[in-house]
């Protein structure tokens, strides 16, 4: 026979409650018997059945290492021992020789709210009822007519049916309450799981936000440094461009002067004024002209490259500014998301 934890705990409480109620009632009755003159030996004998049999077994079944094995069978043990006690007490106790005493037996076993226990209690009660009706009927019953026995039996059956119906009703209520409790526990567990996941999400977002803020700060610092470097480079390129333009203008002037001198040399040569010095000077001017032409071309190429680099650096600067703005927007978005998640967490906790 297997029980879950709740049923086992409830059954143990019912075992203890049955014994406690029965022992209390019988003890009070025996105190009244003693006050009315019943011998102390008789009172101690009756009490011994309770405190030497029922109570020790209940303690062993509830508070020992055998508790799990004994608890399910204690209700049958109590039913049998109390049934034997009721049989004996109706025979030997002059103040409890009464059919009403058996109603107490039926009522106290109804604490178990068990259909089988109620049915067996009814059968034991009817057996005791019939036994005393045919053996000591004149002491217990107001009439010894056999026809009246039927009404005694019917009365006890009514009581038993009432106990069985009450047990069924209470058990249904208990199952319904257990089902509702289980649903509440499941809902609570689901809510706790959701809150736990939500808290973990908030913590993850917070950690990501912290890392993002650190990254943004570093990126901003690097961006400032890059912008400063690019501005310095742009300034250098502008200076170089100005120098290149100035150098090109000087090259143009020198080329014009060389061409003028070359034209004069041509006039001198045409006039017949030819000499080795003139020839050397002419060769020198020709080489200088070639060198100036190459320098002019290189200055123009440098100016073109400077303009292209200047444009590219401006594009890089714009790109860095755009990325910095996007990172800032992303950081603001995560700040808003974290606030929303925090609000949701607070609402769920409430």
C-alpha atoms as a PDB file:
ATOM      1  CA  UNK A   1       0.000   0.000   0.000  1.00  0.00           C
ATOM      2  CA  UNK A   2       1.551   3.267  -1.149  1.00  0.00           C
ATOM      3  CA  UNK A   3       0.583   6.846  -0.289  1.00  0.00           C
ATOM      4  CA  UNK A   4       1.856  10.164  -1.332  1.00  0.00           C
ATOM      5  CA  UNK A   5       3.273  12.536   1.235  1.00  0.00           C
ATOM      6  CA  UNK A   6       0.029  14.471   1.879  1.00  0.00           C
ATOM      7  CA  UNK A   7      -2.125  11.343   2.288  1.00  0.00           C
ATOM      8  CA  UNK A   8       0.446   9.743   4.569  1.00  0.00           C
ATOM      9  CA  UNK A   9       0.637  12.849   6.756  1.00  0.00           C
ATOM     10  CA  UNK A  10      -3.178  13.151   6.889  1.00  0.00           C
ATOM     11  CA  UNK A  11      -3.588   9.456   7.772  1.00  0.00           C
ATOM     12  CA  UNK A  12      -1.049   9.756  10.593  1.00  0.00           C
ATOM     13  CA  UNK A  13      -2.944  12.748  11.995  1.00  0.00           C
ATOM     14  CA  UNK A  14      -6.220  10.812  11.812  1.00  0.00           C
ATOM     15  CA  UNK A  15      -4.681   7.834  13.622  1.00  0.00           C
ATOM     16  CA  UNK A  16      -3.447  10.117  16.385  1.00  0.00           C
ATOM     17  CA  UNK A  17      -6.754  11.978  16.530  1.00  0.00           C
ATOM     18  CA  UNK A  18      -8.842   8.792  16.821  1.00  0.00           C
ATOM     19  CA  UNK A  19      -6.702   7.475  19.666  1.00  0.00           C
ATOM     20  CA  UNK A  20      -6.581  10.876  21.403  1.00  0.00           C
ATOM     21  CA  UNK A  21     -10.375  11.368  21.261  1.00  0.00           C
ATOM     22  CA  UNK A  22     -11.119   7.789  22.280  1.00  0.00           C
ATOM     23  CA  UNK A  23      -8.627   7.837  25.154  1.00  0.00           C
ATOM     24  CA  UNK A  24      -9.950  11.191  26.405  1.00  0.00           C
ATOM     25  CA  UNK A  25     -13.603  10.143  26.339  1.00  0.00           C
ATOM     26  CA  UNK A  26     -13.011   6.771  28.029  1.00  0.00           C
ATOM     27  CA  UNK A  27     -10.789   8.398  30.658  1.00  0.00           C
ATOM     28  CA  UNK A  28     -13.493  10.939  31.488  1.00  0.00           C
ATOM     29  CA  UNK A  29     -16.083   8.143  31.720  1.00  0.00           C
ATOM     30  CA  UNK A  30     -13.882   6.102  34.032  1.00  0.00           C
ATOM     31  CA  UNK A  31     -13.270   9.136  36.244  1.00  0.00           C
ATOM     32  CA  UNK A  32     -17.047   9.450  36.546  1.00  0.00           C
ATOM     33  CA  UNK A  33     -17.271   5.712  37.302  1.00  0.00           C
ATOM     34  CA  UNK A  34     -14.701   6.071  40.050  1.00  0.00           C
ATOM     35  CA  UNK A  35     -16.624   9.038  41.478  1.00  0.00           C
ATOM     36  CA  UNK A  36     -19.806   6.940  41.436  1.00  0.00           C
ATOM     37  CA  UNK A  37     -18.160   4.150  43.413  1.00  0.00           C
ATOM     38  CA  UNK A  38     -16.757   1.778  40.778  1.00  0.00           C
ATOM     39  CA  UNK A  39     -13.644   0.036  42.205  1.00  0.00           C
ATOM     40  CA  UNK A  40     -10.285   1.533  41.295  1.00  0.00           C
ATOM     41  CA  UNK A  41      -9.060  -1.847  40.053  1.00  0.00           C
ATOM     42  CA  UNK A  42     -11.776  -1.917  37.419  1.00  0.00           C
ATOM     43  CA  UNK A  43     -10.999   1.660  36.357  1.00  0.00           C
ATOM     44  CA  UNK A  44      -7.274   0.891  36.051  1.00  0.00           C
ATOM     45  CA  UNK A  45      -8.026  -2.262  34.049  1.00  0.00           C
ATOM     46  CA  UNK A  46     -10.058  -0.301  31.520  1.00  0.00           C
ATOM     47  CA  UNK A  47      -7.489   2.453  31.329  1.00  0.00           C
ATOM     48  CA  UNK A  48      -4.713  -0.114  30.933  1.00  0.00           C
ATOM     49  CA  UNK A  49      -6.226  -1.316  27.657  1.00  0.00           C
ATOM     50  CA  UNK A  50      -5.927   2.221  26.333  1.00  0.00           C
ATOM     51  CA  UNK A  51      -2.601   3.333  27.728  1.00  0.00           C
ATOM     52  CA  UNK A  52      -0.816  -0.016  27.442  1.00  0.00           C
ATOM     53  CA  UNK A  53      -2.092  -1.053  24.004  1.00  0.00           C
ATOM     54  CA  UNK A  54      -3.516   1.781  21.888  1.00  0.00           C
ATOM     55  CA  UNK A  55      -1.326   4.684  22.976  1.00  0.00           C
ATOM     56  CA  UNK A  56       2.056   2.843  22.773  1.00  0.00           C
ATOM     57  CA  UNK A  57       1.252   1.467  19.320  1.00  0.00           C
ATOM     58  CA  UNK A  58       0.204   4.930  18.155  1.00  0.00           C
ATOM     59  CA  UNK A  59       3.467   6.423  19.419  1.00  0.00           C
ATOM     60  CA  UNK A  60       5.514   3.693  17.719  1.00  0.00           C
ATOM     61  CA  UNK A  61       3.585   4.091  14.473  1.00  0.00           C
ATOM     62  CA  UNK A  62       3.931   7.883  14.452  1.00  0.00           C
ATOM     63  CA  UNK A  63       7.347   8.670  15.899  1.00  0.00           C
ATOM     64  CA  UNK A  64       9.647   5.708  15.184  1.00  0.00           C
ATOM     65  CA  UNK A  65      11.697   4.486  12.250  1.00  0.00           C
ATOM     66  CA  UNK A  66       8.810   2.137  11.368  1.00  0.00           C
ATOM     67  CA  UNK A  67       6.429   5.061  10.881  1.00  0.00           C
ATOM     68  CA  UNK A  68       6.145   4.692   7.085  1.00  0.00           C
ATOM     69  CA  UNK A  69       5.418   0.946   7.311  1.00  0.00           C
ATOM     70  CA  UNK A  70       2.985   1.029  10.258  1.00  0.00           C
ATOM     71  CA  UNK A  71       0.922   4.163   9.574  1.00  0.00           C
ATOM     72  CA  UNK A  72      -1.222   2.699   6.731  1.00  0.00           C
ATOM     73  CA  UNK A  73      -2.233  -0.284   8.926  1.00  0.00           C
ATOM     74  CA  UNK A  74      -2.913   1.615  12.136  1.00  0.00           C
ATOM     75  CA  UNK A  75      -6.492   2.430  11.105  1.00  0.00           C
ATOM     76  CA  UNK A  76      -7.312  -1.301  10.922  1.00  0.00           C
ATOM     77  CA  UNK A  77      -5.535  -1.917  14.216  1.00  0.00           C
ATOM     78  CA  UNK A  78      -7.506   0.883  15.904  1.00  0.00           C
ATOM     79  CA  UNK A  79     -10.783  -0.347  14.429  1.00  0.00           C
ATOM     80  CA  UNK A  80     -10.248  -3.880  15.753  1.00  0.00           C
ATOM     81  CA  UNK A  81      -8.910  -2.903  19.202  1.00  0.00           C
ATOM     82  CA  UNK A  82     -11.617  -0.288  19.784  1.00  0.00           C
ATOM     83  CA  UNK A  83     -14.256  -2.776  18.559  1.00  0.00           C
ATOM     84  CA  UNK A  84     -13.029  -5.382  21.052  1.00  0.00           C
ATOM     85  CA  UNK A  85     -12.989  -2.736  23.772  1.00  0.00           C
ATOM     86  CA  UNK A  86     -16.577  -1.702  23.005  1.00  0.00           C
ATOM     87  CA  UNK A  87     -17.653  -5.332  23.120  1.00  0.00           C
ATOM     88  CA  UNK A  88     -15.982  -5.838  26.495  1.00  0.00           C
ATOM     89  CA  UNK A  89     -17.158  -2.541  28.004  1.00  0.00           C
ATOM     90  CA  UNK A  90     -20.782  -3.318  27.176  1.00  0.00           C
ATOM     91  CA  UNK A  91     -20.360  -6.546  29.073  1.00  0.00           C
ATOM     92  CA  UNK A  92     -18.527  -5.420  32.208  1.00  0.00           C
ATOM     93  CA  UNK A  93     -19.234  -1.692  32.736  1.00  0.00           C
ATOM     94  CA  UNK A  94     -22.579  -1.179  34.466  1.00  0.00           C
ATOM     95  CA  UNK A  95     -22.822   2.445  33.380  1.00  0.00           C
ATOM     96  CA  UNK A  96     -22.032   1.797  29.707  1.00  0.00           C
ATOM     97  CA  UNK A  97     -24.333  -1.199  29.155  1.00  0.00           C
ATOM     98  CA  UNK A  98     -26.350   0.743  26.620  1.00  0.00           C
ATOM     99  CA  UNK A  99     -26.879   0.494  22.903  1.00  0.00           C
ATOM    100  CA  UNK A 100     -26.002   4.195  22.592  1.00  0.00           C
ATOM    101  CA  UNK A 101     -22.411   3.273  23.419  1.00  0.00           C
ATOM    102  CA  UNK A 102     -22.086   1.656  20.006  1.00  0.00           C
ATOM    103  CA  UNK A 103     -22.963   4.935  18.303  1.00  0.00           C
ATOM    104  CA  UNK A 104     -19.809   6.351  19.825  1.00  0.00           C
ATOM    105  CA  UNK A 105     -17.831   3.567  18.141  1.00  0.00           C
ATOM    106  CA  UNK A 106     -19.415   4.335  14.757  1.00  0.00           C
ATOM    107  CA  UNK A 107     -18.880   8.060  15.187  1.00  0.00           C
ATOM    108  CA  UNK A 108     -15.239   7.911  16.252  1.00  0.00           C
ATOM    109  CA  UNK A 109     -14.259   5.600  13.385  1.00  0.00           C
ATOM    110  CA  UNK A 110     -15.920   8.075  11.026  1.00  0.00           C
ATOM    111  CA  UNK A 111     -12.924  10.351  11.623  1.00  0.00           C
ATOM    112  CA  UNK A 112     -11.018   8.312   9.040  1.00  0.00           C
ATOM    113  CA  UNK A 113     -13.466   9.302   6.295  1.00  0.00           C
ATOM    114  CA  UNK A 114     -12.813   5.908   4.757  1.00  0.00           C
ATOM    115  CA  UNK A 115     -15.620   3.941   3.092  1.00  0.00           C
ATOM    116  CA  UNK A 116     -14.126   0.547   3.906  1.00  0.00           C
ATOM    117  CA  UNK A 117     -13.496   1.463   7.553  1.00  0.00           C
ATOM    118  CA  UNK A 118     -17.071   2.774   7.873  1.00  0.00           C
ATOM    119  CA  UNK A 119     -18.465  -0.410   6.320  1.00  0.00           C
ATOM    120  CA  UNK A 120     -16.403  -2.720   8.554  1.00  0.00           C
ATOM    121  CA  UNK A 121     -17.311  -0.646  11.619  1.00  0.00           C
ATOM    122  CA  UNK A 122     -20.975  -1.077  10.746  1.00  0.00           C
ATOM    123  CA  UNK A 123     -20.605  -4.852  10.418  1.00  0.00           C
ATOM    124  CA  UNK A 124     -18.738  -5.100  13.740  1.00  0.00           C
ATOM    125  CA  UNK A 125     -21.362  -2.909  15.420  1.00  0.00           C
ATOM    126  CA  UNK A 126     -24.223  -4.993  14.030  1.00  0.00           C
ATOM    127  CA  UNK A 127     -22.484  -8.170  15.183  1.00  0.00           C
ATOM    128  CA  UNK A 128     -22.115  -6.792  18.717  1.00  0.00           C
ATOM    129  CA  UNK A 129     -25.699  -5.510  18.560  1.00  0.00           C
ATOM    130  CA  UNK A 130     -27.082  -8.922  17.608  1.00  0.00           C
ATOM    131  CA  UNK A 131     -24.928 -10.717  20.161  1.00  0.00           C
ATOM    132  CA  UNK A 132     -26.115  -8.616  23.084  1.00  0.00           C
ATOM    133  CA  UNK A 133     -29.695  -8.628  21.831  1.00  0.00           C
ATOM    134  CA  UNK A 134     -29.844 -12.394  22.059  1.00  0.00           C
ATOM    135  CA  UNK A 135     -27.697 -12.804  25.192  1.00  0.00           C
ATOM    136  CA  UNK A 136     -28.311  -9.769  27.424  1.00  0.00           C
ATOM    137  CA  UNK A 137     -31.158  -8.026  25.683  1.00  0.00           C
ATOM    138  CA  UNK A 138     -33.087  -7.282  28.847  1.00  0.00           C
ATOM    139  CA  UNK A 139     -30.167  -5.201  30.197  1.00  0.00           C
ATOM    140  CA  UNK A 140     -29.392  -3.193  27.069  1.00  0.00           C
ATOM    141  CA  UNK A 141     -32.555  -2.880  24.978  1.00  0.00           C
ATOM    142  CA  UNK A 142     -35.932  -1.578  26.038  1.00  0.00           C
ATOM    143  CA  UNK A 143     -37.568  -4.416  24.115  1.00  0.00           C
ATOM    144  CA  UNK A 144     -36.427  -7.963  23.328  1.00  0.00           C
ATOM    145  CA  UNK A 145     -38.912  -8.444  20.497  1.00  0.00           C
ATOM    146  CA  UNK A 146     -37.103  -9.764  17.423  1.00  0.00           C
ATOM    147  CA  UNK A 147     -39.075  -7.384  15.220  1.00  0.00           C
ATOM    148  CA  UNK A 148     -37.551  -4.457  17.101  1.00  0.00           C
ATOM    149  CA  UNK A 149     -34.064  -5.764  16.277  1.00  0.00           C
ATOM    150  CA  UNK A 150     -34.756  -4.899  12.648  1.00  0.00           C
ATOM    151  CA  UNK A 151     -35.257  -1.247  13.569  1.00  0.00           C
ATOM    152  CA  UNK A 152     -32.072  -1.219  15.623  1.00  0.00           C
ATOM    153  CA  UNK A 153     -30.201  -2.582  12.623  1.00  0.00           C
ATOM    154  CA  UNK A 154     -31.855  -0.094  10.256  1.00  0.00           C
ATOM    155  CA  UNK A 155     -30.922   2.770  12.603  1.00  0.00           C
ATOM    156  CA  UNK A 156     -27.273   1.748  12.643  1.00  0.00           C
ATOM    157  CA  UNK A 157     -27.348   1.332   8.866  1.00  0.00           C
ATOM    158  CA  UNK A 158     -28.673   4.879   8.532  1.00  0.00           C
ATOM    159  CA  UNK A 159     -25.805   6.136  10.679  1.00  0.00           C
ATOM    160  CA  UNK A 160     -23.312   4.150   8.622  1.00  0.00           C
ATOM    161  CA  UNK A 161     -24.740   5.373   5.329  1.00  0.00           C
ATOM    162  CA  UNK A 162     -24.555   8.918   6.615  1.00  0.00           C
ATOM    163  CA  UNK A 163     -20.906   8.396   7.549  1.00  0.00           C
ATOM    164  CA  UNK A 164     -20.124   6.877   4.160  1.00  0.00           C
ATOM    165  CA  UNK A 165     -21.814   9.767   2.317  1.00  0.00           C
ATOM    166  CA  UNK A 166     -20.021  12.284   4.525  1.00  0.00           C
ATOM    167  CA  UNK A 167     -16.701  10.529   3.862  1.00  0.00           C
ATOM    168  CA  UNK A 168     -17.321  10.614   0.116  1.00  0.00           C
ATOM    169  CA  UNK A 169     -18.264  14.289   0.220  1.00  0.00           C
ATOM    170  CA  UNK A 170     -15.252  15.238   2.333  1.00  0.00           C
ATOM    171  CA  UNK A 171     -12.905  13.176   0.170  1.00  0.00           C
ATOM    172  CA  UNK A 172     -14.229  14.895  -2.960  1.00  0.00           C
ATOM    173  CA  UNK A 173     -13.681  18.252  -1.310  1.00  0.00           C
ATOM    174  CA  UNK A 174     -10.189  17.154  -0.341  1.00  0.00           C
ATOM    175  CA  UNK A 175      -9.389  16.044  -3.912  1.00  0.00           C
ATOM    176  CA  UNK A 176     -10.790  19.275  -5.304  1.00  0.00           C
ATOM    177  CA  UNK A 177      -8.815  21.323  -2.818  1.00  0.00           C
ATOM    178  CA  UNK A 178      -5.678  19.322  -3.609  1.00  0.00           C
ATOM    179  CA  UNK A 179      -6.249  19.867  -7.331  1.00  0.00           C
ATOM    180  CA  UNK A 180      -6.658  23.606  -6.811  1.00  0.00           C
ATOM    181  CA  UNK A 181      -3.609  23.693  -4.571  1.00  0.00           C
ATOM    182  CA  UNK A 182      -1.604  21.821  -7.203  1.00  0.00           C
ATOM    183  CA  UNK A 183      -2.715  24.272  -9.880  1.00  0.00           C
ATOM    184  CA  UNK A 184      -1.802  27.196  -7.650  1.00  0.00           C
ATOM    185  CA  UNK A 185       1.613  25.665  -6.969  1.00  0.00           C
ATOM    186  CA  UNK A 186       2.150  25.042 -10.682  1.00  0.00           C
ATOM    187  CA  UNK A 187       1.095  28.604 -11.497  1.00  0.00           C
ATOM    188  CA  UNK A 188       3.384  29.912  -8.757  1.00  0.00           C
ATOM    189  CA  UNK A 189       6.253  27.785 -10.058  1.00  0.00           C
ATOM    190  CA  UNK A 190       5.602  28.988 -13.611  1.00  0.00           C
ATOM    191  CA  UNK A 191       5.523  32.591 -12.390  1.00  0.00           C
ATOM    192  CA  UNK A 192       8.751  32.089 -10.442  1.00  0.00           C
ATOM    193  CA  UNK A 193      10.380  30.524 -13.512  1.00  0.00           C
ATOM    194  CA  UNK A 194       9.215  33.418 -15.670  1.00  0.00           C
ATOM    195  CA  UNK A 195      10.449  35.957 -13.117  1.00  0.00           C
ATOM    196  CA  UNK A 196      13.745  34.083 -12.867  1.00  0.00           C
ATOM    197  CA  UNK A 197      14.177  34.115 -16.644  1.00  0.00           C
ATOM    198  CA  UNK A 198      13.103  37.747 -16.761  1.00  0.00           C
ATOM    199  CA  UNK A 199      15.591  38.637 -14.030  1.00  0.00           C
ATOM    200  CA  UNK A 200      18.328  36.777 -15.877  1.00  0.00           C
ATOM    201  CA  UNK A 201      17.391  38.648 -19.071  1.00  0.00           C
ATOM    202  CA  UNK A 202      17.510  41.975 -17.248  1.00  0.00           C
ATOM    203  CA  UNK A 203      20.862  41.077 -15.735  1.00  0.00           C
ATOM    204  CA  UNK A 204      22.187  40.003 -19.131  1.00  0.00           C
ATOM    205  CA  UNK A 205      20.967  43.235 -20.686  1.00  0.00           C
ATOM    206  CA  UNK A 206      22.476  45.188 -17.814  1.00  0.00           C
ATOM    207  CA  UNK A 207      25.822  43.434 -18.273  1.00  0.00           C
ATOM    208  CA  UNK A 208      25.624  44.000 -22.007  1.00  0.00           C
ATOM    209  CA  UNK A 209      24.730  47.631 -21.363  1.00  0.00           C
ATOM    210  CA  UNK A 210      27.722  48.008 -19.039  1.00  0.00           C
ATOM    211  CA  UNK A 211      30.033  46.452 -21.611  1.00  0.00           C
ATOM    212  CA  UNK A 212      28.438  48.538 -24.344  1.00  0.00           C
ATOM    213  CA  UNK A 213      28.904  51.726 -22.336  1.00  0.00           C
ATOM    214  CA  UNK A 214      32.558  50.854 -21.786  1.00  0.00           C
ATOM    215  CA  UNK A 215      32.946  50.090 -25.488  1.00  0.00           C
ATOM    216  CA  UNK A 216      31.161  53.307 -26.439  1.00  0.00           C
ATOM    217  CA  UNK A 217      33.390  55.321 -24.121  1.00  0.00           C
ATOM    218  CA  UNK A 218      36.476  53.701 -25.605  1.00  0.00           C
ATOM    219  CA  UNK A 219      35.122  54.182 -29.120  1.00  0.00           C
ATOM    220  CA  UNK A 220      34.314  57.803 -28.420  1.00  0.00           C
ATOM    221  CA  UNK A 221      37.827  58.362 -27.103  1.00  0.00           C
ATOM    222  CA  UNK A 222      39.331  56.628 -30.113  1.00  0.00           C
ATOM    223  CA  UNK A 223      37.002  58.557 -32.421  1.00  0.00           C
ATOM    224  CA  UNK A 224      38.148  61.830 -30.898  1.00  0.00           C
ATOM    225  CA  UNK A 225      41.750  60.764 -31.382  1.00  0.00           C
ATOM    226  CA  UNK A 226      41.062  59.634 -34.972  1.00  0.00           C
ATOM    227  CA  UNK A 227      39.223  62.853 -35.763  1.00  0.00           C
ATOM    228  CA  UNK A 228      42.082  64.858 -34.292  1.00  0.00           C
ATOM    229  CA  UNK A 229      44.611  62.859 -36.316  1.00  0.00           C
ATOM    230  CA  UNK A 230      42.559  63.211 -39.482  1.00  0.00           C
ATOM    231  CA  UNK A 231      42.254  66.943 -38.930  1.00  0.00           C
ATOM    232  CA  UNK A 232      46.024  67.135 -38.512  1.00  0.00           C
ATOM    233  CA  UNK A 233      46.493  65.078 -41.674  1.00  0.00           C
ATOM    234  CA  UNK A 234      44.045  67.303 -43.544  1.00  0.00           C
ATOM    235  CA  UNK A 235      45.921  70.348 -42.352  1.00  0.00           C
ATOM    236  CA  UNK A 236      49.218  68.775 -43.479  1.00  0.00           C
ATOM    237  CA  UNK A 237      47.709  67.949 -46.847  1.00  0.00           C
ATOM    238  CA  UNK A 238      46.402  71.480 -47.218  1.00  0.00           C
ATOM    239  CA  UNK A 239      49.846  72.871 -46.394  1.00  0.00           C
ATOM    240  CA  UNK A 240      51.402  70.396 -48.806  1.00  0.00           C
ATOM    241  CA  UNK A 241      48.839  71.306 -51.426  1.00  0.00           C
ATOM    242  CA  UNK A 242      49.589  75.004 -50.995  1.00  0.00           C
ATOM    243  CA  UNK A 243      53.312  74.282 -51.214  1.00  0.00           C
ATOM    244  CA  UNK A 244      52.720  72.155 -54.291  1.00  0.00           C
ATOM    245  CA  UNK A 245      50.714  74.935 -55.925  1.00  0.00           C
ATOM    246  CA  UNK A 246      53.419  77.467 -55.055  1.00  0.00           C
ATOM    247  CA  UNK A 247      56.107  75.105 -56.292  1.00  0.00           C
ATOM    248  CA  UNK A 248      54.203  74.562 -59.532  1.00  0.00           C
ATOM    249  CA  UNK A 249      53.838  78.308 -60.071  1.00  0.00           C
ATOM    250  CA  UNK A 250      57.565  78.742 -59.465  1.00  0.00           C
ATOM    251  CA  UNK A 251      58.288  75.915 -61.892  1.00  0.00           C
ATOM    252  CA  UNK A 252      56.095  77.633 -64.459  1.00  0.00           C
ATOM    253  CA  UNK A 253      57.985  80.917 -63.992  1.00  0.00           C
ATOM    254  CA  UNK A 254      61.345  79.153 -64.221  1.00  0.00           C
ATOM    255  CA  UNK A 255      60.221  77.306 -67.327  1.00  0.00           C
ATOM    256  CA  UNK A 256      59.129  80.593 -68.890  1.00  0.00           C
ATOM    257  CA  UNK A 257      62.516  82.156 -68.034  1.00  0.00           C
ATOM    258  CA  UNK A 258      64.364  79.124 -69.433  1.00  0.00           C
ATOM    259  CA  UNK A 259      62.284  79.316 -72.610  1.00  0.00           C
ATOM    260  CA  UNK A 260      63.118  83.050 -72.876  1.00  0.00           C
ATOM    261  CA  UNK A 261      66.810  82.344 -72.389  1.00  0.00           C
ATOM    262  CA  UNK A 262      66.574  79.523 -74.888  1.00  0.00           C
ATOM    263  CA  UNK A 263      64.975  81.913 -77.370  1.00  0.00           C
ATOM    264  CA  UNK A 264      67.862  84.387 -76.865  1.00  0.00           C
ATOM    265  CA  UNK A 265      70.358  81.561 -77.407  1.00  0.00           C
ATOM    266  CA  UNK A 266      68.604  80.718 -80.646  1.00  0.00           C
ATOM    267  CA  UNK A 267      68.878  84.374 -81.733  1.00  0.00           C
ATOM    268  CA  UNK A 268      72.579  84.424 -80.865  1.00  0.00           C
ATOM    269  CA  UNK A 269      73.137  81.218 -82.690  1.00  0.00           C
ATOM    270  CA  UNK A 270      71.225  82.561 -85.700  1.00  0.00           C
ATOM    271  CA  UNK A 271      73.370  85.648 -85.666  1.00  0.00           C
ATOM    272  CA  UNK A 272      76.441  83.463 -86.058  1.00  0.00           C
ATOM    273  CA  UNK A 273      77.762  83.978 -82.605  1.00  0.00           C
ATOM    274  CA  UNK A 274      78.704  80.392 -81.919  1.00  0.00           C
ATOM    275  CA  UNK A 275      81.262  79.375 -79.356  1.00  0.00           C
ATOM    276  CA  UNK A 276      82.011  76.326 -77.140  1.00  0.00           C
ATOM    277  CA  UNK A 277      80.735  78.215 -74.090  1.00  0.00           C
ATOM    278  CA  UNK A 278      77.513  78.954 -75.880  1.00  0.00           C
ATOM    279  CA  UNK A 279      77.117  75.337 -76.824  1.00  0.00           C
ATOM    280  CA  UNK A 280      77.695  74.236 -73.240  1.00  0.00           C
ATOM    281  CA  UNK A 281      75.227  76.832 -72.005  1.00  0.00           C
ATOM    282  CA  UNK A 282      72.713  75.617 -74.544  1.00  0.00           C
ATOM    283  CA  UNK A 283      73.118  72.037 -73.415  1.00  0.00           C
ATOM    284  CA  UNK A 284      72.795  73.136 -69.802  1.00  0.00           C
ATOM    285  CA  UNK A 285      69.596  75.041 -70.567  1.00  0.00           C
ATOM    286  CA  UNK A 286      68.188  72.040 -72.431  1.00  0.00           C
ATOM    287  CA  UNK A 287      68.846  69.718 -69.498  1.00  0.00           C
ATOM    288  CA  UNK A 288      67.460  72.298 -67.053  1.00  0.00           C
ATOM    289  CA  UNK A 289      64.360  72.650 -69.177  1.00  0.00           C
ATOM    290  CA  UNK A 290      63.863  68.869 -69.147  1.00  0.00           C
ATOM    291  CA  UNK A 291      64.371  68.726 -65.390  1.00  0.00           C
ATOM    292  CA  UNK A 292      61.913  71.560 -64.812  1.00  0.00           C
ATOM    293  CA  UNK A 293      59.372  69.878 -67.064  1.00  0.00           C
ATOM    294  CA  UNK A 294      59.646  66.681 -65.007  1.00  0.00           C
ATOM    295  CA  UNK A 295      59.370  68.658 -61.726  1.00  0.00           C
ATOM    296  CA  UNK A 296      56.319  70.463 -63.081  1.00  0.00           C
ATOM    297  CA  UNK A 297      54.628  67.183 -63.964  1.00  0.00           C
ATOM    298  CA  UNK A 298      55.424  65.740 -60.551  1.00  0.00           C
ATOM    299  CA  UNK A 299      54.070  68.860 -58.804  1.00  0.00           C
ATOM    300  CA  UNK A 300      50.835  68.562 -60.766  1.00  0.00           C
ATOM    301  CA  UNK A 301      50.539  64.853 -59.869  1.00  0.00           C
ATOM    302  CA  UNK A 302      51.184  65.684 -56.210  1.00  0.00           C
ATOM    303  CA  UNK A 303      48.458  68.331 -56.280  1.00  0.00           C
ATOM    304  CA  UNK A 304      45.991  65.853 -57.839  1.00  0.00           C
ATOM    305  CA  UNK A 305      46.839  63.125 -55.303  1.00  0.00           C
ATOM    306  CA  UNK A 306      46.511  65.629 -52.451  1.00  0.00           C
ATOM    307  CA  UNK A 307      43.013  66.595 -53.604  1.00  0.00           C
ATOM    308  CA  UNK A 308      41.992  62.932 -53.858  1.00  0.00           C
ATOM    309  CA  UNK A 309      43.384  62.096 -50.419  1.00  0.00           C
ATOM    310  CA  UNK A 310      41.717  65.139 -48.966  1.00  0.00           C
ATOM    311  CA  UNK A 311      38.351  63.971 -50.327  1.00  0.00           C
ATOM    312  CA  UNK A 312      38.909  60.394 -49.061  1.00  0.00           C
ATOM    313  CA  UNK A 313      39.852  61.646 -45.586  1.00  0.00           C
ATOM    314  CA  UNK A 314      36.691  63.715 -45.456  1.00  0.00           C
ATOM    315  CA  UNK A 315      34.690  60.575 -46.320  1.00  0.00           C
ATOM    316  CA  UNK A 316      36.455  58.663 -43.545  1.00  0.00           C
ATOM    317  CA  UNK A 317      35.716  61.470 -41.116  1.00  0.00           C
ATOM    318  CA  UNK A 318      32.035  61.430 -42.094  1.00  0.00           C
ATOM    319  CA  UNK A 319      31.944  57.631 -41.723  1.00  0.00           C
ATOM    320  CA  UNK A 320      33.473  57.789 -38.244  1.00  0.00           C
ATOM    321  CA  UNK A 321      30.960  60.434 -37.194  1.00  0.00           C
ATOM    322  CA  UNK A 322      28.086  58.325 -38.570  1.00  0.00           C
ATOM    323  CA  UNK A 323      29.256  55.201 -36.755  1.00  0.00           C
ATOM    324  CA  UNK A 324      29.642  57.142 -33.540  1.00  0.00           C
ATOM    325  CA  UNK A 325      26.077  58.432 -33.864  1.00  0.00           C
ATOM    326  CA  UNK A 326      24.775  54.898 -34.564  1.00  0.00           C
ATOM    327  CA  UNK A 327      26.542  53.563 -31.463  1.00  0.00           C
ATOM    328  CA  UNK A 328      25.028  56.350 -29.394  1.00  0.00           C
ATOM    329  CA  UNK A 329      21.544  55.561 -30.748  1.00  0.00           C
ATOM    330  CA  UNK A 330      22.070  51.851 -30.018  1.00  0.00           C
ATOM    331  CA  UNK A 331      23.108  52.648 -26.455  1.00  0.00           C
ATOM    332  CA  UNK A 332      20.001  54.792 -25.947  1.00  0.00           C
ATOM    333  CA  UNK A 333      17.834  51.974 -27.357  1.00  0.00           C
ATOM    334  CA  UNK A 334      19.263  49.466 -24.887  1.00  0.00           C
ATOM    335  CA  UNK A 335      18.720  51.936 -22.049  1.00  0.00           C
ATOM    336  CA  UNK A 336      15.039  52.152 -22.979  1.00  0.00           C
ATOM    337  CA  UNK A 337      14.798  48.349 -23.291  1.00  0.00           C
ATOM    338  CA  UNK A 338      16.354  47.877 -19.849  1.00  0.00           C
ATOM    339  CA  UNK A 339      13.872  50.331 -18.307  1.00  0.00           C
ATOM    340  CA  UNK A 340      10.939  48.497 -19.943  1.00  0.00           C
ATOM    341  CA  UNK A 341      12.218  45.121 -18.717  1.00  0.00           C
ATOM    342  CA  UNK A 342      12.641  46.537 -15.200  1.00  0.00           C
ATOM    343  CA  UNK A 343       9.041  47.840 -15.255  1.00  0.00           C
ATOM    344  CA  UNK A 344       7.787  44.417 -16.411  1.00  0.00           C
ATOM    345  CA  UNK A 345       9.763  42.719 -13.644  1.00  0.00           C
ATOM    346  CA  UNK A 346       8.290  45.030 -10.999  1.00  0.00           C
ATOM    347  CA  UNK A 347       4.742  44.494 -12.324  1.00  0.00           C
ATOM    348  CA  UNK A 348       5.159  40.704 -12.321  1.00  0.00           C
ATOM    349  CA  UNK A 349       6.521  40.786  -8.778  1.00  0.00           C
ATOM    350  CA  UNK A 350       3.491  42.781  -7.643  1.00  0.00           C
END
